[in-house]
Each structure stands twice: as C-alpha cells, then as structure tokens.
PDB file of N, CA and C in Angstrom:
ATOM      1  N   MET A   1       0.806  -1.171   0.001  1.00  0.00           N
ATOM      2  CA  MET A   1       0.000   0.000   0.000  1.00  0.00           C
ATOM      3  C   MET A   1       0.867   1.261   0.000  1.00  0.00           C
ATOM      4  N   ALA A   2       2.001   1.215   0.672  1.00  0.00           N
ATOM      5  CA  ALA A   2       2.899   2.356   0.744  1.00  0.00           C
ATOM      6  C   ALA A   2       3.479   2.664  -0.623  1.00  0.00           C
ATOM      7  N   ARG A   3       3.661   1.646  -1.442  1.00  0.00           N
ATOM      8  CA  ARG A   3       4.203   1.833  -2.792  1.00  0.00           C
ATOM      9  C   ARG A   3       3.228   2.641  -3.644  1.00  0.00           C
ATOM     10  N   GLN A   4       1.931   2.380  -3.521  1.00  0.00           N
ATOM     11  CA  GLN A   4       0.931   3.108  -4.303  1.00  0.00           C
ATOM     12  C   GLN A   4       0.876   4.564  -3.869  1.00  0.00           C
ATOM     13  N   ASP A   5       0.982   4.817  -2.564  1.00  0.00           N
ATOM     14  CA  ASP A   5       0.966   6.193  -2.074  1.00  0.00           C
ATOM     15  C   ASP A   5       2.174   6.960  -2.584  1.00  0.00           C
ATOM     16  N   ASN A   6       3.321   6.295  -2.603  1.00  0.00           N
ATOM     17  CA  ASN A   6       4.544   6.925  -3.071  1.00  0.00           C
ATOM     18  C   ASN A   6       4.442   7.260  -4.554  1.00  0.00           C
ATOM     19  N   ASP A   7       3.900   6.338  -5.360  1.00  0.00           N
ATOM     20  CA  ASP A   7       3.719   6.591  -6.788  1.00  0.00           C
ATOM     21  C   ASP A   7       2.739   7.752  -7.020  1.00  0.00           C
ATOM     22  N   PHE A   8       1.673   7.778  -6.212  1.00  0.00           N
ATOM     23  CA  PHE A   8       0.692   8.850  -6.341  1.00  0.00           C
ATOM     24  C   PHE A   8       1.326  10.203  -6.030  1.00  0.00           C
ATOM     25  N   LEU A   9       2.115  10.291  -4.950  1.00  0.00           N
ATOM     26  CA  LEU A   9       2.758  11.544  -4.586  1.00  0.00           C
ATOM     27  C   LEU A   9       3.771  11.984  -5.640  1.00  0.00           C
ATOM     28  N   THR A  10       4.488  11.029  -6.219  1.00  0.00           N
ATOM     29  CA  THR A  10       5.450  11.359  -7.263  1.00  0.00           C
ATOM     30  C   THR A  10       4.732  11.901  -8.491  1.00  0.00           C
ATOM     31  N   ALA A  11       3.642  11.230  -8.887  1.00  0.00           N
ATOM     32  CA  ALA A  11       2.873  11.685 -10.049  1.00  0.00           C
ATOM     33  C   ALA A  11       2.262  13.064  -9.789  1.00  0.00           C
ATOM     34  N   PHE A  12       1.801  13.272  -8.572  1.00  0.00           N
ATOM     35  CA  PHE A  12       1.210  14.567  -8.227  1.00  0.00           C
ATOM     36  C   PHE A  12       2.262  15.669  -8.305  1.00  0.00           C
ATOM     37  N   ALA A  13       3.466  15.420  -7.781  1.00  0.00           N
ATOM     38  CA  ALA A  13       4.544  16.410  -7.795  1.00  0.00           C
ATOM     39  C   ALA A  13       4.969  16.723  -9.222  1.00  0.00           C
ATOM     40  N   ILE A  14       5.075  15.694 -10.063  1.00  0.00           N
ATOM     41  CA  ILE A  14       5.450  15.906 -11.461  1.00  0.00           C
ATOM     42  C   ILE A  14       4.364  16.718 -12.178  1.00  0.00           C
ATOM     43  N   GLY A  15       3.112  16.390 -11.943  1.00  0.00           N
ATOM     44  CA  GLY A  15       2.006  17.121 -12.559  1.00  0.00           C
ATOM     45  C   GLY A  15       1.969  18.575 -12.114  1.00  0.00           C
ATOM     46  N   ALA A  16       2.219  18.797 -10.826  1.00  0.00           N
ATOM     47  CA  ALA A  16       2.229  20.172 -10.320  1.00  0.00           C
ATOM     48  C   ALA A  16       3.365  20.963 -10.956  1.00  0.00           C
ATOM     49  N   ALA A  17       4.536  20.361 -11.074  1.00  0.00           N
ATOM     50  CA  ALA A  17       5.674  21.047 -11.680  1.00  0.00           C
ATOM     51  C   ALA A  17       5.395  21.373 -13.142  1.00  0.00           C
ATOM     52  N   LEU A  18       4.787  20.418 -13.878  1.00  0.00           N
ATOM     53  CA  LEU A  18       4.445  20.669 -15.283  1.00  0.00           C
ATOM     54  C   LEU A  18       3.386  21.777 -15.398  1.00  0.00           C
ATOM     55  N   GLY A  19       2.426  21.777 -14.492  1.00  0.00           N
ATOM     56  CA  GLY A  19       1.399  22.816 -14.503  1.00  0.00           C
ATOM     57  C   GLY A  19       1.979  24.207 -14.255  1.00  0.00           C
ATOM     58  N   VAL A  20       2.881  24.290 -13.302  1.00  0.00           N
ATOM     59  CA  VAL A  20       3.519  25.583 -13.012  1.00  0.00           C
ATOM     60  C   VAL A  20       4.352  26.027 -14.206  1.00  0.00           C
ATOM     61  N   GLY A  21       5.083  25.101 -14.806  1.00  0.00           N
ATOM     62  CA  GLY A  21       5.904  25.441 -15.974  1.00  0.00           C
ATOM     63  C   GLY A  21       5.052  25.922 -17.137  1.00  0.00           C
ATOM     64  N   ALA A  22       3.928  25.233 -17.386  1.00  0.00           N
ATOM     65  CA  ALA A  22       3.042  25.652 -18.475  1.00  0.00           C
ATOM     66  C   ALA A  22       2.432  27.014 -18.194  1.00  0.00           C
ATOM     67  N   THR A  23       2.083  27.265 -16.952  1.00  0.00           N
ATOM     68  CA  THR A  23       1.511  28.566 -16.592  1.00  0.00           C
ATOM     69  C   THR A  23       2.526  29.677 -16.815  1.00  0.00           C
ATOM     70  N   LEU A  24       3.774  29.438 -16.441  1.00  0.00           N
ATOM     71  CA  LEU A  24       4.811  30.450 -16.637  1.00  0.00           C
ATOM     72  C   LEU A  24       5.098  30.691 -18.112  1.00  0.00           C
ATOM     73  N   LEU A  25       5.055  29.632 -18.919  1.00  0.00           N
ATOM     74  CA  LEU A  25       5.319  29.785 -20.353  1.00  0.00           C
ATOM     75  C   LEU A  25       4.180  30.502 -21.074  1.00  0.00           C
ATOM     76  N   LEU A  26       2.961  30.275 -20.654  1.00  0.00           N
ATOM     77  CA  LEU A  26       1.817  30.855 -21.346  1.00  0.00           C
ATOM     78  C   LEU A  26       1.434  32.241 -20.810  1.00  0.00           C
ATOM     79  N   ARG A  27       2.113  32.696 -19.798  1.00  0.00           N
ATOM     80  CA  ARG A  27       1.821  34.014 -19.218  1.00  0.00           C
ATOM     81  C   ARG A  27       2.205  35.098 -20.230  1.00  0.00           C
ATOM     82  N   PRO A  28       1.341  36.116 -20.417  1.00  0.00           N
ATOM     83  CA  PRO A  28       1.674  37.174 -21.384  1.00  0.00           C
ATOM     84  C   PRO A  28       2.845  38.015 -20.879  1.00  0.00           C
ATOM     85  N   GLU A  29       3.593  38.579 -21.827  1.00  0.00           N
ATOM     86  CA  GLU A  29       4.736  39.415 -21.458  1.00  0.00           C
ATOM     87  C   GLU A  29       4.267  40.694 -20.793  1.00  0.00           C
ATOM     88  N   LYS A  30       5.121  41.215 -19.943  1.00  0.00           N
ATOM     89  CA  LYS A  30       4.805  42.494 -19.332  1.00  0.00           C
ATOM     90  C   LYS A  30       4.876  43.565 -20.415  1.00  0.00           C
ATOM     91  N   PRO A  31       3.967  44.527 -20.374  1.00  0.00           N
ATOM     92  CA  PRO A  31       3.998  45.561 -21.414  1.00  0.00           C
ATOM     93  C   PRO A  31       5.251  46.431 -21.286  1.00  0.00           C
ATOM     94  N   ASN A  32       5.872  46.666 -22.418  1.00  0.00           N
ATOM     95  CA  ASN A  32       7.062  47.500 -22.467  1.00  0.00           C
ATOM     96  C   ASN A  32       6.611  48.930 -22.724  1.00  0.00           C
ATOM     97  N   PRO A  33       6.866  49.862 -21.791  1.00  0.00           N
ATOM     98  CA  PRO A  33       6.389  51.237 -21.970  1.00  0.00           C
ATOM     99  C   PRO A  33       6.909  51.892 -23.242  1.00  0.00           C
ATOM    100  N   ARG A  34       8.133  51.571 -23.619  1.00  0.00           N
ATOM    101  CA  ARG A  34       8.707  52.163 -24.821  1.00  0.00           C
ATOM    102  C   ARG A  34       7.947  51.722 -26.065  1.00  0.00           C
ATOM    103  N   LYS A  35       7.648  50.425 -26.146  1.00  0.00           N
ATOM    104  CA  LYS A  35       6.921  49.908 -27.310  1.00  0.00           C
ATOM    105  C   LYS A  35       5.488  50.437 -27.330  1.00  0.00           C
ATOM    106  N   GLN A  36       4.872  50.577 -26.160  1.00  0.00           N
ATOM    107  CA  GLN A  36       3.512  51.117 -26.108  1.00  0.00           C
ATOM    108  C   GLN A  36       3.499  52.558 -26.616  1.00  0.00           C
ATOM    109  N   LEU A  37       4.490  53.348 -26.229  1.00  0.00           N
ATOM    110  CA  LEU A  37       4.557  54.728 -26.680  1.00  0.00           C
ATOM    111  C   LEU A  37       4.789  54.785 -28.185  1.00  0.00           C
ATOM    112  N   GLN A  38       5.656  53.918 -28.696  1.00  0.00           N
ATOM    113  CA  GLN A  38       5.895  53.884 -30.135  1.00  0.00           C
ATOM    114  C   GLN A  38       4.618  53.536 -30.881  1.00  0.00           C
ATOM    115  N   LYS A  39       3.849  52.603 -30.344  1.00  0.00           N
ATOM    116  CA  LYS A  39       2.610  52.197 -30.984  1.00  0.00           C
ATOM    117  C   LYS A  39       1.610  53.356 -31.001  1.00  0.00           C
ATOM    118  N   ARG A  40       1.541  54.113 -29.898  1.00  0.00           N
ATOM    119  CA  ARG A  40       0.603  55.237 -29.820  1.00  0.00           C
ATOM    120  C   ARG A  40       1.020  56.389 -30.722  1.00  0.00           C
ATOM    121  N   LEU A  41       2.329  56.583 -30.926  1.00  0.00           N
ATOM    122  CA  LEU A  41       2.809  57.695 -31.738  1.00  0.00           C
ATOM    123  C   LEU A  41       2.918  57.360 -33.226  1.00  0.00           C
ATOM    124  N   LYS A  42       2.787  56.091 -33.577  1.00  0.00           N
ATOM    125  CA  LYS A  42       2.983  55.654 -34.947  1.00  0.00           C
ATOM    126  C   LYS A  42       2.111  56.418 -35.949  1.00  0.00           C
ATOM    127  N   PRO A  43       0.804  56.599 -35.723  1.00  0.00           N
ATOM    128  CA  PRO A  43      -0.004  57.340 -36.698  1.00  0.00           C
ATOM    129  C   PRO A  43       0.457  58.790 -36.866  1.00  0.00           C
ATOM    130  N   HIS A  44       0.880  59.421 -35.800  1.00  0.00           N
ATOM    131  CA  HIS A  44       1.315  60.804 -35.876  1.00  0.00           C
ATOM    132  C   HIS A  44       2.627  60.924 -36.642  1.00  0.00           C
ATOM    133  N   VAL A  45       3.523  59.964 -36.443  1.00  0.00           N
ATOM    134  CA  VAL A  45       4.800  59.968 -37.157  1.00  0.00           C
ATOM    135  C   VAL A  45       4.556  59.780 -38.646  1.00  0.00           C
ATOM    136  N   ARG A  46       3.607  58.915 -38.982  1.00  0.00           N
ATOM    137  CA  ARG A  46       3.278  58.715 -40.403  1.00  0.00           C
ATOM    138  C   ARG A  46       2.796  60.014 -41.030  1.00  0.00           C
ATOM    139  N   LYS A  47       1.908  60.740 -40.328  1.00  0.00           N
ATOM    140  CA  LYS A  47       1.404  62.011 -40.858  1.00  0.00           C
ATOM    141  C   LYS A  47       2.539  62.999 -41.077  1.00  0.00           C
ATOM    142  N   LEU A  48       3.462  63.083 -40.118  1.00  0.00           N
ATOM    143  CA  LEU A  48       4.576  64.010 -40.252  1.00  0.00           C
ATOM    144  C   LEU A  48       5.467  63.637 -41.431  1.00  0.00           C
ATOM    145  N   ARG A  49       5.711  62.350 -41.610  1.00  0.00           N
ATOM    146  CA  ARG A  49       6.561  61.914 -42.726  1.00  0.00           C
ATOM    147  C   ARG A  49       5.892  62.180 -44.067  1.00  0.00           C
ATOM    148  N   LYS A  50       4.585  61.930 -44.157  1.00  0.00           N
ATOM    149  CA  LYS A  50       3.863  62.202 -45.401  1.00  0.00           C
ATOM    150  C   LYS A  50       3.883  63.681 -45.706  1.00  0.00           C
ATOM    151  N   SER A  51       3.678  64.506 -44.699  1.00  0.00           N
ATOM    152  CA  SER A  51       3.675  65.948 -44.880  1.00  0.00           C
ATOM    153  C   SER A  51       5.050  66.428 -45.332  1.00  0.00           C
ATOM    154  N   ALA A  52       6.090  65.895 -44.737  1.00  0.00           N
ATOM    155  CA  ALA A  52       7.447  66.289 -45.106  1.00  0.00           C
ATOM    156  C   ALA A  52       7.770  65.825 -46.521  1.00  0.00           C
ATOM    157  N   ALA A  53       7.275  64.651 -46.910  1.00  0.00           N
ATOM    158  CA  ALA A  53       7.538  64.137 -48.249  1.00  0.00           C
ATOM    159  C   ALA A  53       6.844  64.998 -49.303  1.00  0.00           C
ATOM    160  N   ARG A  54       5.672  65.565 -48.961  1.00  0.00           N
ATOM    161  CA  ARG A  54       4.942  66.421 -49.900  1.00  0.00           C
ATOM    162  C   ARG A  54       5.493  67.835 -49.891  1.00  0.00           C
ATOM    163  N   GLY A  55       6.427  68.129 -49.013  1.00  0.00           N
ATOM    164  CA  GLY A  55       7.012  69.467 -48.946  1.00  0.00           C
ATOM    165  C   GLY A  55       6.253  70.387 -48.027  1.00  0.00           C
ATOM    166  N   GLY A  56       5.390  69.847 -47.209  1.00  0.00           N
ATOM    167  CA  GLY A  56       4.624  70.666 -46.267  1.00  0.00           C
ATOM    168  C   GLY A  56       5.468  71.061 -45.071  1.00  0.00           C
ATOM    169  N   LYS A  57       5.029  72.100 -44.429  1.00  0.00           N
ATOM    170  CA  LYS A  57       5.745  72.554 -43.249  1.00  0.00           C
ATOM    171  C   LYS A  57       5.210  71.852 -42.020  1.00  0.00           C
ATOM    172  N   VAL A  58       6.102  71.559 -41.123  1.00  0.00           N
ATOM    173  CA  VAL A  58       5.701  70.981 -39.854  1.00  0.00           C
ATOM    174  C   VAL A  58       5.479  72.142 -38.891  1.00  0.00           C
ATOM    175  N   ARG A  59       4.314  72.193 -38.312  1.00  0.00           N
ATOM    176  CA  ARG A  59       3.992  73.293 -37.406  1.00  0.00           C
ATOM    177  C   ARG A  59       4.555  73.010 -36.023  1.00  0.00           C
ATOM    178  N   VAL A  60       5.263  73.972 -35.511  1.00  0.00           N
ATOM    179  CA  VAL A  60       5.814  73.881 -34.167  1.00  0.00           C
ATOM    180  C   VAL A  60       5.287  75.082 -33.395  1.00  0.00           C
ATOM    181  N   ALA A  61       4.762  74.825 -32.222  1.00  0.00           N
ATOM    182  CA  ALA A  61       4.217  75.913 -31.405  1.00  0.00           C
ATOM    183  C   ALA A  61       5.356  76.835 -30.980  1.00  0.00           C
ATOM    184  N   PRO A  62       5.147  78.147 -31.064  1.00  0.00           N
ATOM    185  CA  PRO A  62       6.210  79.068 -30.654  1.00  0.00           C
ATOM    186  C   PRO A  62       6.412  79.024 -29.148  1.00  0.00           C
ATOM    187  N   ARG A  63       7.669  79.141 -28.744  1.00  0.00           N
ATOM    188  CA  ARG A  63       7.987  79.144 -27.325  1.00  0.00           C
ATOM    189  C   ARG A  63       7.746  80.525 -26.762  1.00  0.00           C
ATOM    190  N   PRO A  64       7.092  80.596 -25.630  1.00  0.00           N
ATOM    191  CA  PRO A  64       6.885  81.920 -25.033  1.00  0.00           C
ATOM    192  C   PRO A  64       8.207  82.481 -24.519  1.00  0.00           C
ATOM    193  N   ARG A  65       8.442  83.753 -24.795  1.00  0.00           N
ATOM    194  CA  ARG A  65       9.673  84.396 -24.346  1.00  0.00           C
ATOM    195  C   ARG A  65       9.395  85.124 -23.047  1.00  0.00           C
ATOM    196  N   PRO A  66      10.293  85.016 -22.090  1.00  0.00           N
ATOM    197  CA  PRO A  66      10.069  85.727 -20.825  1.00  0.00           C
ATOM    198  C   PRO A  66      10.160  87.231 -21.056  1.00  0.00           C
ATOM    199  N   ALA A  67       9.415  87.952 -20.257  1.00  0.00           N
ATOM    200  CA  ALA A  67       9.451  89.406 -20.355  1.00  0.00           C
ATOM    201  C   ALA A  67      10.837  89.899 -19.973  1.00  0.00           C
ATOM    202  N   GLU A  68      11.227  91.015 -20.569  1.00  0.00           N
ATOM    203  CA  GLU A  68      12.538  91.582 -20.292  1.00  0.00           C
ATOM    204  C   GLU A  68      12.657  91.919 -18.807  1.00  0.00           C
ATOM    205  N   GLY A  69      13.747  91.572 -18.201  1.00  0.00           N
ATOM    206  CA  GLY A  69      13.982  91.899 -16.801  1.00  0.00           C
ATOM    207  C   GLY A  69      13.513  90.829 -15.828  1.00  0.00           C
ATOM    208  N   MET A  70      12.730  89.868 -16.293  1.00  0.00           N
ATOM    209  CA  MET A  70      12.259  88.815 -15.388  1.00  0.00           C
ATOM    210  C   MET A  70      13.409  87.928 -14.935  1.00  0.00           C
ATOM    211  N   GLU A  71      14.391  87.744 -15.820  1.00  0.00           N
ATOM    212  CA  GLU A  71      15.527  86.919 -15.450  1.00  0.00           C
ATOM    213  C   GLU A  71      16.316  87.580 -14.324  1.00  0.00           C
ATOM    214  N   ASP A  72      16.502  88.900 -14.424  1.00  0.00           N
ATOM    215  CA  ASP A  72      17.225  89.623 -13.381  1.00  0.00           C
ATOM    216  C   ASP A  72      16.472  89.528 -12.052  1.00  0.00           C
ATOM    217  N   ASP A  73      15.144  89.652 -12.112  1.00  0.00           N
ATOM    218  CA  ASP A  73      14.341  89.544 -10.894  1.00  0.00           C
ATOM    219  C   ASP A  73      14.474  88.161 -10.283  1.00  0.00           C
ATOM    220  N   ALA A  74      14.483  87.139 -11.138  1.00  0.00           N
ATOM    221  CA  ALA A  74      14.604  85.764 -10.632  1.00  0.00           C
ATOM    222  C   ALA A  74      15.965  85.547  -9.981  1.00  0.00           C
ATOM    223  N   ILE A  75      17.010  86.079 -10.597  1.00  0.00           N
ATOM    224  CA  ILE A  75      18.361  85.941 -10.026  1.00  0.00           C
ATOM    225  C   ILE A  75      18.445  86.667  -8.694  1.00  0.00           C
ATOM    226  N   ARG A  76      17.889  87.870  -8.635  1.00  0.00           N
ATOM    227  CA  ARG A  76      17.913  88.651  -7.399  1.00  0.00           C
ATOM    228  C   ARG A  76      17.151  87.929  -6.291  1.00  0.00           C
ATOM    229  N   ALA A  77      15.976  87.398  -6.636  1.00  0.00           N
ATOM    230  CA  ALA A  77      15.183  86.679  -5.634  1.00  0.00           C
ATOM    231  C   ALA A  77      15.921  85.440  -5.143  1.00  0.00           C
ATOM    232  N   GLY A  78      16.596  84.754  -6.054  1.00  0.00           N
ATOM    233  CA  GLY A  78      17.365  83.575  -5.664  1.00  0.00           C
ATOM    234  C   GLY A  78      18.497  83.919  -4.716  1.00  0.00           C
ATOM    235  N   ARG A  79      19.155  85.039  -4.976  1.00  0.00           N
ATOM    236  CA  ARG A  79      20.246  85.462  -4.087  1.00  0.00           C
ATOM    237  C   ARG A  79      19.725  85.833  -2.705  1.00  0.00           C
ATOM    238  N   GLU A  80      18.567  86.505  -2.679  1.00  0.00           N
ATOM    239  CA  GLU A  80      17.979  86.864  -1.388  1.00  0.00           C
ATOM    240  C   GLU A  80      17.600  85.618  -0.596  1.00  0.00           C
ATOM    241  N   LEU A  81      17.003  84.637  -1.281  1.00  0.00           N
ATOM    242  CA  LEU A  81      16.634  83.395  -0.598  1.00  0.00           C
ATOM    243  C   LEU A  81      17.864  82.670  -0.076  1.00  0.00           C
ATOM    244  N   LEU A  82      18.931  82.671  -0.861  1.00  0.00           N
ATOM    245  CA  LEU A  82      20.164  82.011  -0.431  1.00  0.00           C
ATOM    246  C   LEU A  82      20.752  82.703   0.787  1.00  0.00           C
ATOM    247  N   ALA A  83      20.727  84.034   0.807  1.00  0.00           N
ATOM    248  CA  ALA A  83      21.244  84.770   1.966  1.00  0.00           C
ATOM    249  C   ALA A  83      20.408  84.463   3.208  1.00  0.00           C
ATOM    250  N   GLU A  84      19.078  84.420   3.047  1.00  0.00           N
ATOM    251  CA  GLU A  84      18.213  84.085   4.183  1.00  0.00           C
ATOM    252  C   GLU A  84      18.492  82.673   4.680  1.00  0.00           C
ATOM    253  N   PHE A  85      18.688  81.762   3.742  1.00  0.00           N
ATOM    254  CA  PHE A  85      18.963  80.375   4.106  1.00  0.00           C
ATOM    255  C   PHE A  85      20.280  80.271   4.880  1.00  0.00           C
ATOM    256  N   ARG A  86      21.301  80.960   4.409  1.00  0.00           N
ATOM    257  CA  ARG A  86      22.590  80.929   5.105  1.00  0.00           C
ATOM    258  C   ARG A  86      22.460  81.495   6.508  1.00  0.00           C
ATOM    259  N   GLY A  87      21.709  82.591   6.638  1.00  0.00           N
ATOM    260  CA  GLY A  87      21.498  83.180   7.956  1.00  0.00           C
ATOM    261  C   GLY A  87      20.784  82.222   8.887  1.00  0.00           C
ATOM    262  N   GLU A  88      19.781  81.528   8.362  1.00  0.00           N
ATOM    263  CA  GLU A  88      19.034  80.563   9.181  1.00  0.00           C
ATOM    264  C   GLU A  88      19.931  79.401   9.605  1.00  0.00           C
ATOM    265  N   VAL A  89      20.754  78.914   8.699  1.00  0.00           N
ATOM    266  CA  VAL A  89      21.677  77.821   9.038  1.00  0.00           C
ATOM    267  C   VAL A  89      22.666  78.282  10.100  1.00  0.00           C
ATOM    268  N   GLN A  90      23.172  79.509   9.958  1.00  0.00           N
ATOM    269  CA  GLN A  90      24.104  80.039  10.949  1.00  0.00           C
ATOM    270  C   GLN A  90      23.439  80.138  12.321  1.00  0.00           C
ATOM    271  N   ARG A  91      22.175  80.596  12.354  1.00  0.00           N
ATOM    272  CA  ARG A  91      21.447  80.717  13.617  1.00  0.00           C
ATOM    273  C   ARG A  91      21.274  79.348  14.267  1.00  0.00           C
ATOM    274  N   ILE A  92      20.915  78.335  13.465  1.00  0.00           N
ATOM    275  CA  ILE A  92      20.721  76.980  13.994  1.00  0.00           C
ATOM    276  C   ILE A  92      22.031  76.431  14.555  1.00  0.00           C
ATOM    277  N   LEU A  93      23.138  76.660  13.829  1.00  0.00           N
ATOM    278  CA  LEU A  93      24.434  76.186  14.314  1.00  0.00           C
ATOM    279  C   LEU A  93      24.850  76.888  15.606  1.00  0.00           C
ATOM    280  N   ASP A  94      24.593  78.194  15.694  1.00  0.00           N
ATOM    281  CA  ASP A  94      24.922  78.922  16.919  1.00  0.00           C
ATOM    282  C   ASP A  94      24.129  78.378  18.110  1.00  0.00           C
ATOM    283  N   GLU A  95      22.837  78.123  17.890  1.00  0.00           N
ATOM    284  CA  GLU A  95      22.011  77.568  18.971  1.00  0.00           C
ATOM    285  C   GLU A  95      22.521  76.192  19.395  1.00  0.00           C
ATOM    286  N   ALA A  96      22.910  75.368  18.402  1.00  0.00           N
ATOM    287  CA  ALA A  96      23.409  74.034  18.723  1.00  0.00           C
ATOM    288  C   ALA A  96      24.710  74.115  19.508  1.00  0.00           C
ATOM    289  N   ARG A  97      25.571  75.067  19.134  1.00  0.00           N
ATOM    290  CA  ARG A  97      26.828  75.226  19.863  1.00  0.00           C
ATOM    291  C   ARG A  97      26.566  75.637  21.316  1.00  0.00           C
ATOM    292  N   GLU A  98      25.621  76.573  21.486  1.00  0.00           N
ATOM    293  CA  GLU A  98      25.287  77.017  22.849  1.00  0.00           C
ATOM    294  C   GLU A  98      24.765  75.853  23.686  1.00  0.00           C
ATOM    295  N   GLU A  99      23.912  75.033  23.090  1.00  0.00           N
ATOM    296  CA  GLU A  99      23.380  73.878  23.821  1.00  0.00           C
ATOM    297  C   GLU A  99      24.495  72.906  24.182  1.00  0.00           C
ATOM    298  N   LEU A 100      25.424  72.674  23.251  1.00  0.00           N
ATOM    299  CA  LEU A 100      26.541  71.769  23.544  1.00  0.00           C
ATOM    300  C   LEU A 100      27.431  72.329  24.641  1.00  0.00           C
ATOM    301  N   ARG A 101      27.667  73.637  24.624  1.00  0.00           N
ATOM    302  CA  ARG A 101      28.471  74.238  25.685  1.00  0.00           C
ATOM    303  C   ARG A 101      27.764  74.090  27.021  1.00  0.00           C
ATOM    304  N   GLY A 102      26.439  74.244  27.025  1.00  0.00           N
ATOM    305  CA  GLY A 102      25.681  74.092  28.260  1.00  0.00           C
ATOM    306  C   GLY A 102      25.733  72.663  28.779  1.00  0.00           C
ATOM    307  N   LEU A 103      25.751  71.683  27.884  1.00  0.00           N
ATOM    308  CA  LEU A 103      25.846  70.289  28.305  1.00  0.00           C
ATOM    309  C   LEU A 103      27.217  69.975  28.898  1.00  0.00           C
ATOM    310  N   ASN A 104      28.249  70.629  28.380  1.00  0.00           N
ATOM    311  CA  ASN A 104      29.601  70.405  28.893  1.00  0.00           C
ATOM    312  C   ASN A 104      29.809  71.095  30.230  1.00  0.00           C
ATOM    313  N   GLY A 105      28.962  72.066  30.580  1.00  0.00           N
ATOM    314  CA  GLY A 105      29.107  72.770  31.850  1.00  0.00           C
ATOM    315  C   GLY A 105      30.088  73.910  31.801  1.00  0.00           C
ATOM    316  N   ASP A 106      30.515  74.319  30.622  1.00  0.00           N
ATOM    317  CA  ASP A 106      31.473  75.409  30.487  1.00  0.00           C
ATOM    318  C   ASP A 106      30.914  76.420  29.486  1.00  0.00           C
ATOM    319  N   PRO A 107      29.958  77.294  29.919  1.00  0.00           N
ATOM    320  CA  PRO A 107      29.327  78.213  28.982  1.00  0.00           C
ATOM    321  C   PRO A 107      30.248  79.314  28.469  1.00  0.00           C
ATOM    322  N   ALA A 108      31.333  79.617  29.166  1.00  0.00           N
ATOM    323  CA  ALA A 108      32.202  80.719  28.759  1.00  0.00           C
ATOM    324  C   ALA A 108      33.254  80.283  27.739  1.00  0.00           C
ATOM    325  N   ARG A 109      33.427  79.004  27.566  1.00  0.00           N
ATOM    326  CA  ARG A 109      34.467  78.517  26.670  1.00  0.00           C
ATOM    327  C   ARG A 109      34.062  78.727  25.219  1.00  0.00           C
ATOM    328  N   PRO A 110      34.907  79.320  24.367  1.00  0.00           N
ATOM    329  CA  PRO A 110      34.567  79.511  22.953  1.00  0.00           C
ATOM    330  C   PRO A 110      34.624  78.171  22.222  1.00  0.00           C
ATOM    331  N   PRO A 111      33.909  78.056  21.128  1.00  0.00           N
ATOM    332  CA  PRO A 111      33.927  76.786  20.389  1.00  0.00           C
ATOM    333  C   PRO A 111      35.290  76.539  19.773  1.00  0.00           C
ATOM    334  N   ARG A 112      35.626  75.260  19.630  1.00  0.00           N
ATOM    335  CA  ARG A 112      36.878  74.884  18.995  1.00  0.00           C
ATOM    336  C   ARG A 112      36.792  75.211  17.513  1.00  0.00           C
ATOM    337  N   GLY A 113      37.915  75.516  16.898  1.00  0.00           N
ATOM    338  CA  GLY A 113      37.943  75.966  15.500  1.00  0.00           C
ATOM    339  C   GLY A 113      37.978  74.854  14.482  1.00  0.00           C
ATOM    340  N   ASP A 114      37.865  73.589  14.890  1.00  0.00           N
ATOM    341  CA  ASP A 114      37.977  72.507  13.918  1.00  0.00           C
ATOM    342  C   ASP A 114      36.626  72.080  13.342  1.00  0.00           C
ATOM    343  N   GLY A 115      35.532  72.671  13.734  1.00  0.00           N
ATOM    344  CA  GLY A 115      34.215  72.321  13.218  1.00  0.00           C
ATOM    345  C   GLY A 115      33.910  73.071  11.942  1.00  0.00           C
ATOM    346  N   PRO A 116      32.860  72.682  11.243  1.00  0.00           N
ATOM    347  CA  PRO A 116      32.505  73.386  10.002  1.00  0.00           C
ATOM    348  C   PRO A 116      31.953  74.766  10.321  1.00  0.00           C
ATOM    349  N   GLN A 117      32.382  75.750   9.557  1.00  0.00           N
ATOM    350  CA  GLN A 117      31.920  77.125   9.727  1.00  0.00           C
ATOM    351  C   GLN A 117      31.102  77.525   8.524  1.00  0.00           C
ATOM    352  N   VAL A 118      30.016  78.239   8.740  1.00  0.00           N
ATOM    353  CA  VAL A 118      29.150  78.706   7.672  1.00  0.00           C
ATOM    354  C   VAL A 118      29.228  80.221   7.634  1.00  0.00           C
ATOM    355  N   ASP A 119      29.535  80.770   6.449  1.00  0.00           N
ATOM    356  CA  ASP A 119      29.585  82.221   6.302  1.00  0.00           C
ATOM    357  C   ASP A 119      28.188  82.760   6.151  1.00  0.00           C
ATOM    358  N   ALA A 120      27.885  83.826   6.846  1.00  0.00           N
ATOM    359  CA  ALA A 120      26.545  84.420   6.747  1.00  0.00           C
ATOM    360  C   ALA A 120      26.489  85.408   5.614  1.00  0.00           C
TER     361      ALA A 120
END
C-alpha cells in the first residue's frame, strides 16, 4: 500500500511542476512602456513623414519668451533666498553650539575651530 501512495505523490509532484511550468510559459509578457509609446505615436509619425515628403511645413508651437527683466528679478530673488537660508543655518548652528556648551558645563568657553563654519 505504501508503494501506491509513493507513486501517487510522485505523479502529483510531477504534474504540479508541469502545470507551473506551463503557466509560466503561457503568461503574457509584461507591457514594455517604450513599445507602447511607439505604438501610440505611430499614426502621428506617419502624418509628419507624409507631410514632409509632400514638402509641407511641420507646425511647431512658438515658445513663449520671458518678459525683459524677469531673469534679473529671478536671479535677485534667488540670491535673497540664499542669503536668508545661510542666515538661518548660521542661527541653527549657533544655537546648537550654545546647547553643547551648556551640556559640557562650560558656557564661557569659545567653540573649537575645527568644526565646520558657515559664512553668513
């Protein structure tokens, strides 16, 4: 009787392995985003090529130009933000140094010069 059970378990294991293998082989491929995009753009590319072959112009939307002086304003604002950021970092570091001095029990001692310094 044990021989029949052993044969049954062997056949079951082989069948399960074959079933898993068949399932893995028949599973559809994962969609490739690049190929999907190419498929979606294919009709538009055909139109552009036909138009170019006929000598037609390809229309390109004009890029909006920034108003004069906006670049200078943006640079100035960026510099102001950077200065504020540096000041805030310096304030945080000063507070941290004071707390560390208080933990050491020597509030009058100046900080050692080997730490990172931030220019304000």
